[in-house]
mmCIF file of all heavy atoms, coordinates in Angstrom:
data_MODEL
# 
_entry.id   MODEL 
# 
loop_
_atom_site.group_PDB 
_atom_site.id 
_atom_site.type_symbol 
_atom_site.label_atom_id 
_atom_site.label_alt_id 
_atom_site.label_comp_id 
_atom_site.label_asym_id 
_atom_site.label_entity_id 
_atom_site.label_seq_id 
_atom_site.pdbx_PDB_ins_code 
_atom_site.Cartn_x 
_atom_site.Cartn_y 
_atom_site.Cartn_z 
_atom_site.occupancy 
_atom_site.B_iso_or_equiv 
_atom_site.pdbx_formal_charge 
_atom_site.auth_seq_id 
_atom_site.auth_comp_id 
_atom_site.auth_asym_id 
_atom_site.auth_atom_id 
_atom_site.pdbx_PDB_model_num 
ATOM 1   N N   . PHE A 1 1  ? 153.252 91.883  63.909 1.00 0.00 ? 1  PHE A N   1 
ATOM 2   C CA  . PHE A 1 1  ? 152.358 92.794  63.200 1.00 0.00 ? 1  PHE A CA  1 
ATOM 3   C C   . PHE A 1 1  ? 152.988 93.368  61.933 1.00 0.00 ? 1  PHE A C   1 
ATOM 4   O O   . PHE A 1 1  ? 152.457 94.304  61.343 1.00 0.00 ? 1  PHE A O   1 
ATOM 5   C CB  . PHE A 1 1  ? 151.931 93.949  64.106 1.00 0.00 ? 1  PHE A CB  1 
ATOM 6   C CG  . PHE A 1 1  ? 150.839 93.603  65.074 1.00 0.00 ? 1  PHE A CG  1 
ATOM 7   C CD1 . PHE A 1 1  ? 150.567 94.427  66.158 1.00 0.00 ? 1  PHE A CD1 1 
ATOM 8   C CD2 . PHE A 1 1  ? 150.072 92.474  64.900 1.00 0.00 ? 1  PHE A CD2 1 
ATOM 9   C CE1 . PHE A 1 1  ? 149.546 94.114  67.048 1.00 0.00 ? 1  PHE A CE1 1 
ATOM 10  C CE2 . PHE A 1 1  ? 149.063 92.145  65.783 1.00 0.00 ? 1  PHE A CE2 1 
ATOM 11  C CZ  . PHE A 1 1  ? 148.792 92.963  66.862 1.00 0.00 ? 1  PHE A CZ  1 
ATOM 12  N N   . ASN A 1 2  ? 154.115 92.841  61.511 1.00 0.00 ? 2  ASN A N   1 
ATOM 13  C CA  . ASN A 1 2  ? 154.764 93.407  60.335 1.00 0.00 ? 2  ASN A CA  1 
ATOM 14  C C   . ASN A 1 2  ? 153.933 93.178  59.070 1.00 0.00 ? 2  ASN A C   1 
ATOM 15  O O   . ASN A 1 2  ? 153.802 94.061  58.222 1.00 0.00 ? 2  ASN A O   1 
ATOM 16  C CB  . ASN A 1 2  ? 156.152 92.810  60.172 1.00 0.00 ? 2  ASN A CB  1 
ATOM 17  C CG  . ASN A 1 2  ? 156.128 91.283  60.149 1.00 0.00 ? 2  ASN A CG  1 
ATOM 18  O OD1 . ASN A 1 2  ? 155.322 90.668  60.832 1.00 0.00 ? 2  ASN A OD1 1 
ATOM 19  N ND2 . ASN A 1 2  ? 157.008 90.671  59.349 1.00 0.00 ? 2  ASN A ND2 1 
ATOM 20  N N   . GLU A 1 3  ? 153.328 91.971  58.927 1.00 0.00 ? 3  GLU A N   1 
ATOM 21  C CA  . GLU A 1 3  ? 152.491 91.711  57.761 1.00 0.00 ? 3  GLU A CA  1 
ATOM 22  C C   . GLU A 1 3  ? 151.198 92.516  57.824 1.00 0.00 ? 3  GLU A C   1 
ATOM 23  O O   . GLU A 1 3  ? 150.668 92.933  56.783 1.00 0.00 ? 3  GLU A O   1 
ATOM 24  C CB  . GLU A 1 3  ? 152.177 90.207  57.668 1.00 0.00 ? 3  GLU A CB  1 
ATOM 25  C CG  . GLU A 1 3  ? 153.404 89.354  57.357 1.00 0.00 ? 3  GLU A CG  1 
ATOM 26  C CD  . GLU A 1 3  ? 153.046 87.883  57.234 1.00 0.00 ? 3  GLU A CD  1 
ATOM 27  O OE1 . GLU A 1 3  ? 151.857 87.553  57.522 1.00 0.00 ? 3  GLU A OE1 1 
ATOM 28  O OE2 . GLU A 1 3  ? 153.915 87.091  56.847 1.00 0.00 ? 3  GLU A OE2 1 
ATOM 29  N N   . VAL A 1 4  ? 150.664 92.713  59.044 1.00 0.00 ? 4  VAL A N   1 
ATOM 30  C CA  . VAL A 1 4  ? 149.433 93.495  59.187 1.00 0.00 ? 4  VAL A CA  1 
ATOM 31  C C   . VAL A 1 4  ? 149.658 94.926  58.726 1.00 0.00 ? 4  VAL A C   1 
ATOM 32  O O   . VAL A 1 4  ? 148.840 95.508  57.986 1.00 0.00 ? 4  VAL A O   1 
ATOM 33  C CB  . VAL A 1 4  ? 148.945 93.454  60.646 1.00 0.00 ? 4  VAL A CB  1 
ATOM 34  C CG1 . VAL A 1 4  ? 147.743 94.377  60.833 1.00 0.00 ? 4  VAL A CG1 1 
ATOM 35  C CG2 . VAL A 1 4  ? 148.603 92.024  61.048 1.00 0.00 ? 4  VAL A CG2 1 
ATOM 36  N N   . VAL A 1 5  ? 150.775 95.525  59.151 1.00 0.00 ? 5  VAL A N   1 
ATOM 37  C CA  . VAL A 1 5  ? 151.071 96.909  58.748 1.00 0.00 ? 5  VAL A CA  1 
ATOM 38  C C   . VAL A 1 5  ? 151.281 96.978  57.241 1.00 0.00 ? 5  VAL A C   1 
ATOM 39  O O   . VAL A 1 5  ? 150.827 97.915  56.568 1.00 0.00 ? 5  VAL A O   1 
ATOM 40  C CB  . VAL A 1 5  ? 152.307 97.430  59.517 1.00 0.00 ? 5  VAL A CB  1 
ATOM 41  C CG1 . VAL A 1 5  ? 152.739 98.783  58.982 1.00 0.00 ? 5  VAL A CG1 1 
ATOM 42  C CG2 . VAL A 1 5  ? 152.020 97.514  60.995 1.00 0.00 ? 5  VAL A CG2 1 
ATOM 43  N N   . GLU A 1 6  ? 151.934 95.944  56.663 1.00 0.00 ? 6  GLU A N   1 
ATOM 44  C CA  . GLU A 1 6  ? 152.153 95.930  55.226 1.00 0.00 ? 6  GLU A CA  1 
ATOM 45  C C   . GLU A 1 6  ? 150.830 95.806  54.482 1.00 0.00 ? 6  GLU A C   1 
ATOM 46  O O   . GLU A 1 6  ? 150.626 96.441  53.438 1.00 0.00 ? 6  GLU A O   1 
ATOM 47  C CB  . GLU A 1 6  ? 153.063 94.759  54.862 1.00 0.00 ? 6  GLU A CB  1 
ATOM 48  C CG  . GLU A 1 6  ? 153.464 94.741  53.391 1.00 0.00 ? 6  GLU A CG  1 
ATOM 49  C CD  . GLU A 1 6  ? 154.428 93.602  53.067 1.00 0.00 ? 6  GLU A CD  1 
ATOM 50  O OE1 . GLU A 1 6  ? 154.831 92.890  54.024 1.00 0.00 ? 6  GLU A OE1 1 
ATOM 51  O OE2 . GLU A 1 6  ? 154.777 93.450  51.887 1.00 0.00 ? 6  GLU A OE2 1 
ATOM 52  N N   . ALA A 1 7  ? 149.877 95.013  55.051 1.00 0.00 ? 7  ALA A N   1 
ATOM 53  C CA  . ALA A 1 7  ? 148.561 94.884  54.430 1.00 0.00 ? 7  ALA A CA  1 
ATOM 54  C C   . ALA A 1 7  ? 147.796 96.195  54.490 1.00 0.00 ? 7  ALA A C   1 
ATOM 55  O O   . ALA A 1 7  ? 147.073 96.556  53.543 1.00 0.00 ? 7  ALA A O   1 
ATOM 56  C CB  . ALA A 1 7  ? 147.777 93.769  55.112 1.00 0.00 ? 7  ALA A CB  1 
ATOM 57  N N   . PHE A 1 8  ? 147.947 96.920  55.591 1.00 0.00 ? 8  PHE A N   1 
ATOM 58  C CA  . PHE A 1 8  ? 147.280 98.240  55.694 1.00 0.00 ? 8  PHE A CA  1 
ATOM 59  C C   . PHE A 1 8  ? 147.767 99.175  54.589 1.00 0.00 ? 8  PHE A C   1 
ATOM 60  O O   . PHE A 1 8  ? 146.990 99.937  54.015 1.00 0.00 ? 8  PHE A O   1 
ATOM 61  C CB  . PHE A 1 8  ? 147.550 98.853  57.062 1.00 0.00 ? 8  PHE A CB  1 
ATOM 62  C CG  . PHE A 1 8  ? 146.786 98.201  58.178 1.00 0.00 ? 8  PHE A CG  1 
ATOM 63  C CD1 . PHE A 1 8  ? 147.202 98.336  59.500 1.00 0.00 ? 8  PHE A CD1 1 
ATOM 64  C CD2 . PHE A 1 8  ? 145.652 97.450  57.921 1.00 0.00 ? 8  PHE A CD2 1 
ATOM 65  C CE1 . PHE A 1 8  ? 146.493 97.751  60.535 1.00 0.00 ? 8  PHE A CE1 1 
ATOM 66  C CE2 . PHE A 1 8  ? 144.944 96.855  58.953 1.00 0.00 ? 8  PHE A CE2 1 
ATOM 67  C CZ  . PHE A 1 8  ? 145.369 97.005  60.265 1.00 0.00 ? 8  PHE A CZ  1 
ATOM 68  N N   . THR A 1 9  ? 149.039 99.099  54.303 1.00 0.00 ? 9  THR A N   1 
ATOM 69  C CA  . THR A 1 9  ? 149.593 99.983  53.277 1.00 0.00 ? 9  THR A CA  1 
ATOM 70  C C   . THR A 1 9  ? 149.218 99.529  51.871 1.00 0.00 ? 9  THR A C   1 
ATOM 71  O O   . THR A 1 9  ? 149.145 100.353 50.950 1.00 0.00 ? 9  THR A O   1 
ATOM 72  C CB  . THR A 1 9  ? 151.121 100.041 53.420 1.00 0.00 ? 9  THR A CB  1 
ATOM 73  O OG1 . THR A 1 9  ? 151.652 98.700  53.302 1.00 0.00 ? 9  THR A OG1 1 
ATOM 74  C CG2 . THR A 1 9  ? 151.518 100.620 54.771 1.00 0.00 ? 9  THR A CG2 1 
ATOM 75  N N   . GLN A 1 10 ? 148.966 98.215  51.678 1.00 0.00 ? 10 GLN A N   1 
ATOM 76  C CA  . GLN A 1 10 ? 148.653 97.702  50.348 1.00 0.00 ? 10 GLN A CA  1 
ATOM 77  C C   . GLN A 1 10 ? 147.155 97.743  50.032 1.00 0.00 ? 10 GLN A C   1 
ATOM 78  O O   . GLN A 1 10 ? 146.767 97.549  48.877 1.00 0.00 ? 10 GLN A O   1 
ATOM 79  C CB  . GLN A 1 10 ? 149.148 96.251  50.228 1.00 0.00 ? 10 GLN A CB  1 
ATOM 80  C CG  . GLN A 1 10 ? 150.655 96.121  50.270 1.00 0.00 ? 10 GLN A CG  1 
ATOM 81  C CD  . GLN A 1 10 ? 151.099 94.661  50.225 1.00 0.00 ? 10 GLN A CD  1 
ATOM 82  O OE1 . GLN A 1 10 ? 150.267 93.748  50.184 1.00 0.00 ? 10 GLN A OE1 1 
ATOM 83  N NE2 . GLN A 1 10 ? 152.425 94.457  50.207 1.00 0.00 ? 10 GLN A NE2 1 
ATOM 84  N N   . GLN A 1 11 ? 146.318 97.960  51.061 1.00 0.00 ? 11 GLN A N   1 
ATOM 85  C CA  . GLN A 1 11 ? 144.869 97.922  50.841 1.00 0.00 ? 11 GLN A CA  1 
ATOM 86  C C   . GLN A 1 11 ? 144.455 99.049  49.911 1.00 0.00 ? 11 GLN A C   1 
ATOM 87  O O   . GLN A 1 11 ? 144.836 100.213 50.100 1.00 0.00 ? 11 GLN A O   1 
ATOM 88  C CB  . GLN A 1 11 ? 144.132 98.016  52.182 1.00 0.00 ? 11 GLN A CB  1 
ATOM 89  C CG  . GLN A 1 11 ? 142.637 97.882  52.046 1.00 0.00 ? 11 GLN A CG  1 
ATOM 90  C CD  . GLN A 1 11 ? 141.941 98.033  53.400 1.00 0.00 ? 11 GLN A CD  1 
ATOM 91  O OE1 . GLN A 1 11 ? 142.538 98.474  54.384 1.00 0.00 ? 11 GLN A OE1 1 
ATOM 92  N NE2 . GLN A 1 11 ? 140.646 97.683  53.435 1.00 0.00 ? 11 GLN A NE2 1 
ATOM 93  N N   . LYS A 1 12 ? 143.619 98.658  48.924 1.00 0.00 ? 12 LYS A N   1 
ATOM 94  C CA  . LYS A 1 12 ? 143.093 99.626  47.975 1.00 0.00 ? 12 LYS A CA  1 
ATOM 95  C C   . LYS A 1 12 ? 141.699 100.024 48.393 1.00 0.00 ? 12 LYS A C   1 
ATOM 96  O O   . LYS A 1 12 ? 141.026 99.280  49.113 1.00 0.00 ? 12 LYS A O   1 
ATOM 97  C CB  . LYS A 1 12 ? 143.076 99.023  46.572 1.00 0.00 ? 12 LYS A CB  1 
ATOM 98  C CG  . LYS A 1 12 ? 144.454 98.642  46.048 1.00 0.00 ? 12 LYS A CG  1 
ATOM 99  C CD  . LYS A 1 12 ? 144.364 98.003  44.686 1.00 0.00 ? 12 LYS A CD  1 
ATOM 100 C CE  . LYS A 1 12 ? 145.744 97.603  44.171 1.00 0.00 ? 12 LYS A CE  1 
ATOM 101 N NZ  . LYS A 1 12 ? 145.678 96.940  42.834 1.00 0.00 ? 12 LYS A NZ  1 
ATOM 102 N N   . PRO A 1 13 ? 141.240 101.159 47.932 1.00 0.00 ? 13 PRO A N   1 
ATOM 103 C CA  . PRO A 1 13 ? 139.884 101.574 48.302 1.00 0.00 ? 13 PRO A CA  1 
ATOM 104 C C   . PRO A 1 13 ? 138.837 100.569 47.827 1.00 0.00 ? 13 PRO A C   1 
ATOM 105 O O   . PRO A 1 13 ? 138.837 100.149 46.659 1.00 0.00 ? 13 PRO A O   1 
ATOM 106 C CB  . PRO A 1 13 ? 139.719 102.925 47.612 1.00 0.00 ? 13 PRO A CB  1 
ATOM 107 C CG  . PRO A 1 13 ? 141.108 103.411 47.393 1.00 0.00 ? 13 PRO A CG  1 
ATOM 108 C CD  . PRO A 1 13 ? 141.958 102.192 47.163 1.00 0.00 ? 13 PRO A CD  1 
ATOM 109 N N   . GLY A 1 14 ? 137.955 100.133 48.735 1.00 0.00 ? 14 GLY A N   1 
ATOM 110 C CA  . GLY A 1 14 ? 136.884 99.193  48.409 1.00 0.00 ? 14 GLY A CA  1 
ATOM 111 C C   . GLY A 1 14 ? 137.294 97.739  48.470 1.00 0.00 ? 14 GLY A C   1 
ATOM 112 O O   . GLY A 1 14 ? 136.453 96.849  48.307 1.00 0.00 ? 14 GLY A O   1 
ATOM 113 N N   . GLU A 1 15 ? 138.565 97.482  48.647 1.00 0.00 ? 15 GLU A N   1 
ATOM 114 C CA  . GLU A 1 15 ? 139.041 96.104  48.702 1.00 0.00 ? 15 GLU A CA  1 
ATOM 115 C C   . GLU A 1 15 ? 138.909 95.578  50.114 1.00 0.00 ? 15 GLU A C   1 
ATOM 116 O O   . GLU A 1 15 ? 139.399 96.218  51.058 1.00 0.00 ? 15 GLU A O   1 
ATOM 117 C CB  . GLU A 1 15 ? 140.492 96.029  48.237 1.00 0.00 ? 15 GLU A CB  1 
ATOM 118 C CG  . GLU A 1 15 ? 141.035 94.597  48.233 1.00 0.00 ? 15 GLU A CG  1 
ATOM 119 C CD  . GLU A 1 15 ? 142.504 94.557  47.821 1.00 0.00 ? 15 GLU A CD  1 
ATOM 120 O OE1 . GLU A 1 15 ? 143.114 95.668  47.671 1.00 0.00 ? 15 GLU A OE1 1 
ATOM 121 O OE2 . GLU A 1 15 ? 143.051 93.469  47.660 1.00 0.00 ? 15 GLU A OE2 1 
ATOM 122 N N   . PRO A 1 16 ? 138.293 94.396  50.354 1.00 0.00 ? 16 PRO A N   1 
ATOM 123 C CA  . PRO A 1 16 ? 138.195 93.834  51.708 1.00 0.00 ? 16 PRO A CA  1 
ATOM 124 C C   . PRO A 1 16 ? 139.577 93.468  52.228 1.00 0.00 ? 16 PRO A C   1 
ATOM 125 O O   . PRO A 1 16 ? 140.438 92.982  51.483 1.00 0.00 ? 16 PRO A O   1 
ATOM 126 C CB  . PRO A 1 16 ? 137.313 92.600  51.529 1.00 0.00 ? 16 PRO A CB  1 
ATOM 127 C CG  . PRO A 1 16 ? 136.558 92.836  50.267 1.00 0.00 ? 16 PRO A CG  1 
ATOM 128 C CD  . PRO A 1 16 ? 137.474 93.614  49.369 1.00 0.00 ? 16 PRO A CD  1 
ATOM 129 N N   . LEU A 1 17 ? 139.770 93.763  53.510 1.00 0.00 ? 17 LEU A N   1 
ATOM 130 C CA  . LEU A 1 17 ? 141.071 93.505  54.120 1.00 0.00 ? 17 LEU A CA  1 
ATOM 131 C C   . LEU A 1 17 ? 141.362 92.009  54.215 1.00 0.00 ? 17 LEU A C   1 
ATOM 132 O O   . LEU A 1 17 ? 142.529 91.587  54.166 1.00 0.00 ? 17 LEU A O   1 
ATOM 133 C CB  . LEU A 1 17 ? 141.116 94.143  55.528 1.00 0.00 ? 17 LEU A CB  1 
ATOM 134 C CG  . LEU A 1 17 ? 142.471 94.156  56.232 1.00 0.00 ? 17 LEU A CG  1 
ATOM 135 C CD1 . LEU A 1 17 ? 143.485 94.983  55.435 1.00 0.00 ? 17 LEU A CD1 1 
ATOM 136 C CD2 . LEU A 1 17 ? 142.340 94.738  57.636 1.00 0.00 ? 17 LEU A CD2 1 
ATOM 137 N N   . SER A 1 18 ? 140.306 91.195  54.309 1.00 0.00 ? 18 SER A N   1 
ATOM 138 C CA  . SER A 1 18 ? 140.512 89.755  54.455 1.00 0.00 ? 18 SER A CA  1 
ATOM 139 C C   . SER A 1 18 ? 141.022 89.101  53.173 1.00 0.00 ? 18 SER A C   1 
ATOM 140 O O   . SER A 1 18 ? 141.484 87.951  53.195 1.00 0.00 ? 18 SER A O   1 
ATOM 141 C CB  . SER A 1 18 ? 139.205 89.073  54.883 1.00 0.00 ? 18 SER A CB  1 
ATOM 142 O OG  . SER A 1 18 ? 138.178 89.293  53.923 1.00 0.00 ? 18 SER A OG  1 
ATOM 143 N N   . TYR A 1 19 ? 140.984 89.824  52.051 1.00 0.00 ? 19 TYR A N   1 
ATOM 144 C CA  . TYR A 1 19 ? 141.450 89.275  50.790 1.00 0.00 ? 19 TYR A CA  1 
ATOM 145 C C   . TYR A 1 19 ? 142.958 89.473  50.603 1.00 0.00 ? 19 TYR A C   1 
ATOM 146 O O   . TYR A 1 19 ? 143.539 88.882  49.696 1.00 0.00 ? 19 TYR A O   1 
ATOM 147 C CB  . TYR A 1 19 ? 140.710 89.906  49.627 1.00 0.00 ? 19 TYR A CB  1 
ATOM 148 C CG  . TYR A 1 19 ? 139.241 89.517  49.538 1.00 0.00 ? 19 TYR A CG  1 
ATOM 149 C CD1 . TYR A 1 19 ? 138.409 90.088  48.567 1.00 0.00 ? 19 TYR A CD1 1 
ATOM 150 C CD2 . TYR A 1 19 ? 138.687 88.578  50.418 1.00 0.00 ? 19 TYR A CD2 1 
ATOM 151 C CE1 . TYR A 1 19 ? 137.075 89.732  48.469 1.00 0.00 ? 19 TYR A CE1 1 
ATOM 152 C CE2 . TYR A 1 19 ? 137.344 88.226  50.328 1.00 0.00 ? 19 TYR A CE2 1 
ATOM 153 C CZ  . TYR A 1 19 ? 136.549 88.808  49.361 1.00 0.00 ? 19 TYR A CZ  1 
ATOM 154 O OH  . TYR A 1 19 ? 135.230 88.457  49.286 1.00 0.00 ? 19 TYR A OH  1 
ATOM 155 N N   . ILE A 1 20 ? 143.559 90.306  51.451 1.00 0.00 ? 20 ILE A N   1 
ATOM 156 C CA  . ILE A 1 20 ? 144.989 90.562  51.337 1.00 0.00 ? 20 ILE A CA  1 
ATOM 157 C C   . ILE A 1 20 ? 145.730 89.454  52.070 1.00 0.00 ? 20 ILE A C   1 
ATOM 158 O O   . ILE A 1 20 ? 145.322 88.993  53.141 1.00 0.00 ? 20 ILE A O   1 
ATOM 159 C CB  . ILE A 1 20 ? 145.333 91.946  51.911 1.00 0.00 ? 20 ILE A CB  1 
ATOM 160 C CG1 . ILE A 1 20 ? 144.536 93.040  51.171 1.00 0.00 ? 20 ILE A CG1 1 
ATOM 161 C CG2 . ILE A 1 20 ? 146.819 92.227  51.809 1.00 0.00 ? 20 ILE A CG2 1 
ATOM 162 C CD1 . ILE A 1 20 ? 144.714 94.415  51.751 1.00 0.00 ? 20 ILE A CD1 1 
ATOM 163 N N   . TYR A 1 21 ? 146.874 89.058  51.536 1.00 0.00 ? 21 TYR A N   1 
ATOM 164 C CA  . TYR A 1 21 ? 147.583 87.887  52.039 1.00 0.00 ? 21 TYR A CA  1 
ATOM 165 C C   . TYR A 1 21 ? 147.967 88.052  53.521 1.00 0.00 ? 21 TYR A C   1 
ATOM 166 O O   . TYR A 1 21 ? 147.757 87.140  54.321 1.00 0.00 ? 21 TYR A O   1 
ATOM 167 C CB  . TYR A 1 21 ? 148.839 87.637  51.197 1.00 0.00 ? 21 TYR A CB  1 
ATOM 168 C CG  . TYR A 1 21 ? 149.712 86.548  51.766 1.00 0.00 ? 21 TYR A CG  1 
ATOM 169 C CD1 . TYR A 1 21 ? 149.357 85.204  51.608 1.00 0.00 ? 21 TYR A CD1 1 
ATOM 170 C CD2 . TYR A 1 21 ? 150.875 86.855  52.472 1.00 0.00 ? 21 TYR A CD2 1 
ATOM 171 C CE1 . TYR A 1 21 ? 150.148 84.195  52.143 1.00 0.00 ? 21 TYR A CE1 1 
ATOM 172 C CE2 . TYR A 1 21 ? 151.657 85.855  53.004 1.00 0.00 ? 21 TYR A CE2 1 
ATOM 173 C CZ  . TYR A 1 21 ? 151.297 84.512  52.848 1.00 0.00 ? 21 TYR A CZ  1 
ATOM 174 O OH  . TYR A 1 21 ? 152.093 83.525  53.394 1.00 0.00 ? 21 TYR A OH  1 
ATOM 175 N N   . GLY A 1 22 ? 148.471 89.166  53.888 1.00 0.00 ? 22 GLY A N   1 
ATOM 176 C CA  . GLY A 1 22 ? 148.950 89.331  55.256 1.00 0.00 ? 22 GLY A CA  1 
ATOM 177 C C   . GLY A 1 22 ? 147.848 89.410  56.288 1.00 0.00 ? 22 GLY A C   1 
ATOM 178 O O   . GLY A 1 22 ? 148.107 89.230  57.490 1.00 0.00 ? 22 GLY A O   1 
ATOM 179 N N   . THR A 1 23 ? 146.609 89.643  55.876 1.00 0.00 ? 23 THR A N   1 
ATOM 180 C CA  . THR A 1 23 ? 145.510 89.801  56.831 1.00 0.00 ? 23 THR A CA  1 
ATOM 181 C C   . THR A 1 23 ? 144.402 88.806  56.584 1.00 0.00 ? 23 THR A C   1 
ATOM 182 O O   . THR A 1 23 ? 143.242 89.054  56.911 1.00 0.00 ? 23 THR A O   1 
ATOM 183 C CB  . THR A 1 23 ? 144.963 91.240  56.752 1.00 0.00 ? 23 THR A CB  1 
ATOM 184 O OG1 . THR A 1 23 ? 144.617 91.526  55.392 1.00 0.00 ? 23 THR A OG1 1 
ATOM 185 C CG2 . THR A 1 23 ? 145.956 92.244  57.273 1.00 0.00 ? 23 THR A CG2 1 
ATOM 186 N N   . THR A 1 24 ? 144.725 87.671  56.023 1.00 0.00 ? 24 THR A N   1 
ATOM 187 C CA  . THR A 1 24 ? 143.727 86.622  55.917 1.00 0.00 ? 24 THR A CA  1 
ATOM 188 C C   . THR A 1 24 ? 143.452 86.036  57.288 1.00 0.00 ? 24 THR A C   1 
ATOM 189 O O   . THR A 1 24 ? 144.181 86.304  58.256 1.00 0.00 ? 24 THR A O   1 
ATOM 190 C CB  . THR A 1 24 ? 144.233 85.522  54.968 1.00 0.00 ? 24 THR A CB  1 
ATOM 191 O OG1 . THR A 1 24 ? 145.447 84.972  55.502 1.00 0.00 ? 24 THR A OG1 1 
ATOM 192 C CG2 . THR A 1 24 ? 144.483 86.076  53.558 1.00 0.00 ? 24 THR A CG2 1 
ATOM 193 N N   . ILE A 1 25 ? 142.398 85.216  57.378 1.00 0.00 ? 25 ILE A N   1 
ATOM 194 C CA  . ILE A 1 25 ? 142.018 84.653  58.660 1.00 0.00 ? 25 ILE A CA  1 
ATOM 195 C C   . ILE A 1 25 ? 143.170 83.844  59.237 1.00 0.00 ? 25 ILE A C   1 
ATOM 196 O O   . ILE A 1 25 ? 143.515 83.975  60.426 1.00 0.00 ? 25 ILE A O   1 
ATOM 197 C CB  . ILE A 1 25 ? 140.762 83.780  58.513 1.00 0.00 ? 25 ILE A CB  1 
ATOM 198 C CG1 . ILE A 1 25 ? 139.558 84.638  58.083 1.00 0.00 ? 25 ILE A CG1 1 
ATOM 199 C CG2 . ILE A 1 25 ? 140.441 83.074  59.825 1.00 0.00 ? 25 ILE A CG2 1 
ATOM 200 C CD1 . ILE A 1 25 ? 139.151 85.657  59.095 1.00 0.00 ? 25 ILE A CD1 1 
ATOM 201 N N   . TYR A 1 26 ? 143.803 83.042  58.397 1.00 0.00 ? 26 TYR A N   1 
ATOM 202 C CA  . TYR A 1 26 ? 144.882 82.196  58.877 1.00 0.00 ? 26 TYR A CA  1 
ATOM 203 C C   . TYR A 1 26 ? 146.065 83.039  59.333 1.00 0.00 ? 26 TYR A C   1 
ATOM 204 O O   . TYR A 1 26 ? 146.642 82.795  60.407 1.00 0.00 ? 26 TYR A O   1 
ATOM 205 C CB  . TYR A 1 26 ? 145.291 81.219  57.758 1.00 0.00 ? 26 TYR A CB  1 
ATOM 206 C CG  . TYR A 1 26 ? 146.467 80.375  58.124 1.00 0.00 ? 26 TYR A CG  1 
ATOM 207 C CD1 . TYR A 1 26 ? 146.345 79.308  59.023 1.00 0.00 ? 26 TYR A CD1 1 
ATOM 208 C CD2 . TYR A 1 26 ? 147.720 80.660  57.572 1.00 0.00 ? 26 TYR A CD2 1 
ATOM 209 C CE1 . TYR A 1 26 ? 147.453 78.545  59.365 1.00 0.00 ? 26 TYR A CE1 1 
ATOM 210 C CE2 . TYR A 1 26 ? 148.810 79.903  57.912 1.00 0.00 ? 26 TYR A CE2 1 
ATOM 211 C CZ  . TYR A 1 26 ? 148.686 78.846  58.812 1.00 0.00 ? 26 TYR A CZ  1 
ATOM 212 O OH  . TYR A 1 26 ? 149.797 78.101  59.150 1.00 0.00 ? 26 TYR A OH  1 
ATOM 213 N N   . ARG A 1 27 ? 146.434 84.035  58.531 1.00 0.00 ? 27 ARG A N   1 
ATOM 214 C CA  . ARG A 1 27 ? 147.583 84.879  58.880 1.00 0.00 ? 27 ARG A CA  1 
ATOM 215 C C   . ARG A 1 27 ? 147.277 85.722  60.107 1.00 0.00 ? 27 ARG A C   1 
ATOM 216 O O   . ARG A 1 27 ? 148.152 85.954  60.947 1.00 0.00 ? 27 ARG A O   1 
ATOM 217 C CB  . ARG A 1 27 ? 147.945 85.785  57.691 1.00 0.00 ? 27 ARG A CB  1 
ATOM 218 C CG  . ARG A 1 27 ? 148.330 85.050  56.412 1.00 0.00 ? 27 ARG A CG  1 
ATOM 219 C CD  . ARG A 1 27 ? 149.485 84.110  56.613 1.00 0.00 ? 27 ARG A CD  1 
ATOM 220 N NE  . ARG A 1 27 ? 150.703 84.822  56.994 1.00 0.00 ? 27 ARG A NE  1 
ATOM 221 C CZ  . ARG A 1 27 ? 151.835 84.222  57.331 1.00 0.00 ? 27 ARG A CZ  1 
ATOM 222 N NH1 . ARG A 1 27 ? 151.892 82.882  57.386 1.00 0.00 ? 27 ARG A NH1 1 
ATOM 223 N NH2 . ARG A 1 27 ? 152.891 84.928  57.632 1.00 0.00 ? 27 ARG A NH2 1 
# 
């Protein structure tokens, strides 16, 4: 879950979480 936590911290307001590298469908 290290990439997931990093994606939570990098998410910007209004940005879909699936667009961030660590939380894509594949990841």
